[in-house]
Amino acid sequence: MKSMSSLITPGPIILLALPALAWAIIAVTLASLAPIAYVPRIFNSTHVEHLAAFYIVTLGGAAAFGRLSLLRLAGLIVTFAVALAAIRVFQAAHRASALEDLLCDTAGIWTAIAPIIVARFRNARPPSEVEKSIWPN
């Protein structure tokens, strides 16, 4: 297994990415475990809030750990989401919606990772002759 320092891409973005990721994880954890009355509503749908929260966590993780494979990053964040869902099952107010929340969490993770994968596919192949004639360098 690689050391943590070898997974972090050096550069100025890391000065913003790591603290942003830490704050996002803290905020998601507190919002997930706090009583419903204490959690502010940003959107009218809790499902959209779950999707947006894990979208932000995933983008922060991708920015902070640029050398970590996307599947491993997704696996770590899904594990975090499953742990929060497992804890929420024991709270009476969240019991009914725990599975729906987990599905929205997972959708947020993959919504953030999909464009990164597409960009990597696009950059992995050389441009075709047709693309070169349309968009010359």
C-alpha atoms as a PDB file:
ATOM      1  CA  MET A   1       0.000   0.000   0.000  1.00  0.00           C
ATOM      2  CA  LYS A   2       1.231   3.450  -0.856  1.00  0.00           C
ATOM      3  CA  SER A   3       1.953   5.947   1.870  1.00  0.00           C
ATOM      4  CA  MET A   4      -0.449   8.855   2.302  1.00  0.00           C
ATOM      5  CA  SER A   5       2.159  11.372   1.123  1.00  0.00           C
ATOM      6  CA  SER A   6       2.584   9.534  -2.187  1.00  0.00           C
ATOM      7  CA  LEU A   7      -1.166   9.827  -2.893  1.00  0.00           C
ATOM      8  CA  ILE A   8      -1.268  13.603  -2.500  1.00  0.00           C
ATOM      9  CA  THR A   9      -0.426  15.604  -5.598  1.00  0.00           C
ATOM     10  CA  PRO A  10       1.927  18.422  -4.602  1.00  0.00           C
ATOM     11  CA  GLY A  11       0.964  21.927  -5.600  1.00  0.00           C
ATOM     12  CA  PRO A  12      -1.021  24.966  -4.565  1.00  0.00           C
ATOM     13  CA  ILE A  13      -4.405  23.282  -5.036  1.00  0.00           C
ATOM     14  CA  ILE A  14      -3.627  20.952  -2.144  1.00  0.00           C
ATOM     15  CA  LEU A  15      -3.620  23.941   0.227  1.00  0.00           C
ATOM     16  CA  LEU A  16      -7.321  24.401  -0.535  1.00  0.00           C
ATOM     17  CA  ALA A  17      -8.359  20.833  -1.324  1.00  0.00           C
ATOM     18  CA  LEU A  18      -7.386  19.099   1.920  1.00  0.00           C
ATOM     19  CA  PRO A  19      -9.044  21.592   4.298  1.00  0.00           C
ATOM     20  CA  ALA A  20     -12.115  21.749   2.025  1.00  0.00           C
ATOM     21  CA  LEU A  21     -12.358  17.960   2.068  1.00  0.00           C
ATOM     22  CA  ALA A  22     -11.984  17.874   5.850  1.00  0.00           C
ATOM     23  CA  TRP A  23     -14.706  20.504   6.326  1.00  0.00           C
ATOM     24  CA  ALA A  24     -17.003  18.707   3.875  1.00  0.00           C
ATOM     25  CA  ILE A  25     -16.607  15.397   5.723  1.00  0.00           C
ATOM     26  CA  ILE A  26     -17.220  17.086   9.074  1.00  0.00           C
ATOM     27  CA  ALA A  27     -20.295  18.896   7.734  1.00  0.00           C
ATOM     28  CA  VAL A  28     -21.765  15.737   6.186  1.00  0.00           C
ATOM     29  CA  THR A  29     -21.154  13.761   9.352  1.00  0.00           C
ATOM     30  CA  LEU A  30     -22.742  16.382  11.594  1.00  0.00           C
ATOM     31  CA  ALA A  31     -25.695  16.878   9.244  1.00  0.00           C
ATOM     32  CA  SER A  32     -26.253  13.124   9.033  1.00  0.00           C
ATOM     33  CA  LEU A  33     -26.141  12.460  12.751  1.00  0.00           C
ATOM     34  CA  ALA A  34     -27.763  15.611  14.112  1.00  0.00           C
ATOM     35  CA  PRO A  35     -31.465  15.724  14.978  1.00  0.00           C
ATOM     36  CA  ILE A  36     -33.586  16.830  12.015  1.00  0.00           C
ATOM     37  CA  ALA A  37     -34.614  20.067  13.748  1.00  0.00           C
ATOM     38  CA  TYR A  38     -30.974  21.235  13.923  1.00  0.00           C
ATOM     39  CA  VAL A  39     -30.114  20.605  10.276  1.00  0.00           C
ATOM     40  CA  PRO A  40     -30.716  23.595   7.992  1.00  0.00           C
ATOM     41  CA  ARG A  41     -32.519  22.926   4.735  1.00  0.00           C
ATOM     42  CA  ILE A  42     -30.768  24.173   1.620  1.00  0.00           C
ATOM     43  CA  PHE A  43     -33.009  22.559  -0.983  1.00  0.00           C
ATOM     44  CA  ASN A  44     -36.633  21.501  -0.729  1.00  0.00           C
ATOM     45  CA  SER A  45     -35.626  17.856  -1.175  1.00  0.00           C
ATOM     46  CA  THR A  46     -33.430  15.926   1.216  1.00  0.00           C
ATOM     47  CA  HIS A  47     -32.479  13.646  -1.674  1.00  0.00           C
ATOM     48  CA  VAL A  48     -30.972  16.572  -3.580  1.00  0.00           C
ATOM     49  CA  GLU A  49     -29.139  17.607  -0.413  1.00  0.00           C
ATOM     50  CA  HIS A  50     -27.639  14.120  -0.047  1.00  0.00           C
ATOM     51  CA  LEU A  51     -26.604  14.057  -3.708  1.00  0.00           C
ATOM     52  CA  ALA A  52     -25.037  17.526  -3.483  1.00  0.00           C
ATOM     53  CA  ALA A  53     -23.216  16.774  -0.222  1.00  0.00           C
ATOM     54  CA  PHE A  54     -21.547  13.629  -1.528  1.00  0.00           C
ATOM     55  CA  TYR A  55     -20.847  15.310  -4.873  1.00  0.00           C
ATOM     56  CA  ILE A  56     -18.857  17.946  -2.979  1.00  0.00           C
ATOM     57  CA  VAL A  57     -17.079  15.351  -0.814  1.00  0.00           C
ATOM     58  CA  THR A  58     -16.120  13.346  -3.902  1.00  0.00           C
ATOM     59  CA  LEU A  59     -14.829  16.386  -5.794  1.00  0.00           C
ATOM     60  CA  GLY A  60     -12.827  17.374  -2.716  1.00  0.00           C
ATOM     61  CA  GLY A  61     -11.403  13.875  -2.472  1.00  0.00           C
ATOM     62  CA  ALA A  62     -10.504  13.822  -6.161  1.00  0.00           C
ATOM     63  CA  ALA A  63      -8.772  17.200  -5.845  1.00  0.00           C
ATOM     64  CA  ALA A  64      -6.975  16.336  -2.614  1.00  0.00           C
ATOM     65  CA  PHE A  65      -5.866  12.842  -3.599  1.00  0.00           C
ATOM     66  CA  GLY A  66      -5.127  13.212  -7.308  1.00  0.00           C
ATOM     67  CA  ARG A  67      -2.949  10.121  -7.479  1.00  0.00           C
ATOM     68  CA  LEU A  68      -5.515   7.822  -5.864  1.00  0.00           C
ATOM     69  CA  SER A  69      -7.451   5.723  -8.362  1.00  0.00           C
ATOM     70  CA  LEU A  70     -11.028   6.860  -8.883  1.00  0.00           C
ATOM     71  CA  LEU A  71     -12.435   3.443  -8.034  1.00  0.00           C
ATOM     72  CA  ARG A  72     -10.560   3.380  -4.747  1.00  0.00           C
ATOM     73  CA  LEU A  73     -11.704   6.930  -3.988  1.00  0.00           C
ATOM     74  CA  ALA A  74     -15.297   5.975  -4.792  1.00  0.00           C
ATOM     75  CA  GLY A  75     -14.973   2.861  -2.629  1.00  0.00           C
ATOM     76  CA  LEU A  76     -13.726   4.878   0.335  1.00  0.00           C
ATOM     77  CA  ILE A  77     -16.494   7.447   0.040  1.00  0.00           C
ATOM     78  CA  VAL A  78     -19.164   4.754  -0.458  1.00  0.00           C
ATOM     79  CA  THR A  79     -17.851   3.078   2.695  1.00  0.00           C
ATOM     80  CA  PHE A  80     -18.230   6.410   4.504  1.00  0.00           C
ATOM     81  CA  ALA A  81     -21.810   6.711   3.174  1.00  0.00           C
ATOM     82  CA  VAL A  82     -22.673   3.141   4.225  1.00  0.00           C
ATOM     83  CA  ALA A  83     -21.284   3.772   7.715  1.00  0.00           C
ATOM     84  CA  LEU A  84     -23.421   6.890   8.076  1.00  0.00           C
ATOM     85  CA  ALA A  85     -26.479   5.022   6.767  1.00  0.00           C
ATOM     86  CA  ALA A  86     -25.871   2.192   9.226  1.00  0.00           C
ATOM     87  CA  ILE A  87     -25.759   4.672  12.096  1.00  0.00           C
ATOM     88  CA  ARG A  88     -28.891   6.443  10.837  1.00  0.00           C
ATOM     89  CA  VAL A  89     -30.822   3.167  10.833  1.00  0.00           C
ATOM     90  CA  PHE A  90     -30.686   3.241  14.630  1.00  0.00           C
ATOM     91  CA  GLN A  91     -32.188   6.737  14.771  1.00  0.00           C
ATOM     92  CA  ALA A  92     -35.973   6.621  14.696  1.00  0.00           C
ATOM     93  CA  ALA A  93     -36.330   9.784  12.592  1.00  0.00           C
ATOM     94  CA  HIS A  94     -34.028   8.492   9.827  1.00  0.00           C
ATOM     95  CA  ARG A  95     -34.925   4.800   9.805  1.00  0.00           C
ATOM     96  CA  ALA A  96     -37.489   4.944   6.982  1.00  0.00           C
ATOM     97  CA  SER A  97     -35.313   6.934   4.594  1.00  0.00           C
ATOM     98  CA  ALA A  98     -31.887   5.408   5.261  1.00  0.00           C
ATOM     99  CA  LEU A  99     -31.818   3.308   2.070  1.00  0.00           C
ATOM    100  CA  GLU A 100     -33.088   6.178  -0.095  1.00  0.00           C
ATOM    101  CA  ASP A 101     -30.472   8.463   1.443  1.00  0.00           C
ATOM    102  CA  LEU A 102     -27.741   5.909   0.741  1.00  0.00           C
ATOM    103  CA  LEU A 103     -28.826   5.648  -2.894  1.00  0.00           C
ATOM    104  CA  CYS A 104     -28.716   9.446  -3.224  1.00  0.00           C
ATOM    105  CA  ASP A 105     -25.283   9.497  -1.559  1.00  0.00           C
ATOM    106  CA  THR A 106     -24.022   6.938  -4.070  1.00  0.00           C
ATOM    107  CA  ALA A 107     -25.574   8.886  -6.954  1.00  0.00           C
ATOM    108  CA  GLY A 108     -23.715  11.997  -5.789  1.00  0.00           C
ATOM    109  CA  ILE A 109     -20.439  10.082  -5.739  1.00  0.00           C
ATOM    110  CA  TRP A 110     -20.865   8.745  -9.272  1.00  0.00           C
ATOM    111  CA  THR A 111     -22.184  12.078 -10.540  1.00  0.00           C
ATOM    112  CA  ALA A 112     -18.864  13.622  -9.530  1.00  0.00           C
ATOM    113  CA  ILE A 113     -16.685  10.788 -10.825  1.00  0.00           C
ATOM    114  CA  ALA A 114     -18.345  10.283 -14.241  1.00  0.00           C
ATOM    115  CA  PRO A 115     -17.057  13.514 -15.848  1.00  0.00           C
ATOM    116  CA  ILE A 116     -13.548  12.812 -14.554  1.00  0.00           C
ATOM    117  CA  ILE A 117     -13.615   9.368 -16.180  1.00  0.00           C
ATOM    118  CA  VAL A 118     -14.907  10.828 -19.462  1.00  0.00           C
ATOM    119  CA  ALA A 119     -12.153  13.467 -19.427  1.00  0.00           C
ATOM    120  CA  ARG A 120      -9.527  10.787 -18.865  1.00  0.00           C
ATOM    121  CA  PHE A 121     -10.889   8.751 -21.791  1.00  0.00           C
ATOM    122  CA  ARG A 122     -10.826  11.808 -24.035  1.00  0.00           C
ATOM    123  CA  ASN A 123      -7.237  12.643 -23.067  1.00  0.00           C
ATOM    124  CA  ALA A 124      -6.033   9.040 -23.347  1.00  0.00           C
ATOM    125  CA  ARG A 125      -6.464   8.753 -27.103  1.00  0.00           C
ATOM    126  CA  PRO A 126      -4.857  10.880 -29.786  1.00  0.00           C
ATOM    127  CA  PRO A 127      -7.193  13.039 -31.874  1.00  0.00           C
ATOM    128  CA  SER A 128      -8.403  11.537 -35.147  1.00  0.00           C
ATOM    129  CA  GLU A 129      -7.683  13.072 -38.551  1.00  0.00           C
ATOM    130  CA  VAL A 130     -11.231  14.427 -38.704  1.00  0.00           C
ATOM    131  CA  GLU A 131     -10.832  16.101 -35.304  1.00  0.00           C
ATOM    132  CA  LYS A 132      -7.492  17.564 -36.378  1.00  0.00           C
ATOM    133  CA  SER A 133      -9.048  19.041 -39.520  1.00  0.00           C
ATOM    134  CA  ILE A 134     -11.927  20.581 -37.579  1.00  0.00           C
ATOM    135  CA  TRP A 135      -9.880  21.862 -34.609  1.00  0.00           C
ATOM    136  CA  PRO A 136      -6.302  22.482 -35.686  1.00  0.00           C
ATOM    137  CA  ASN A 137      -3.800  23.206 -32.934  1.00  0.00           C
END
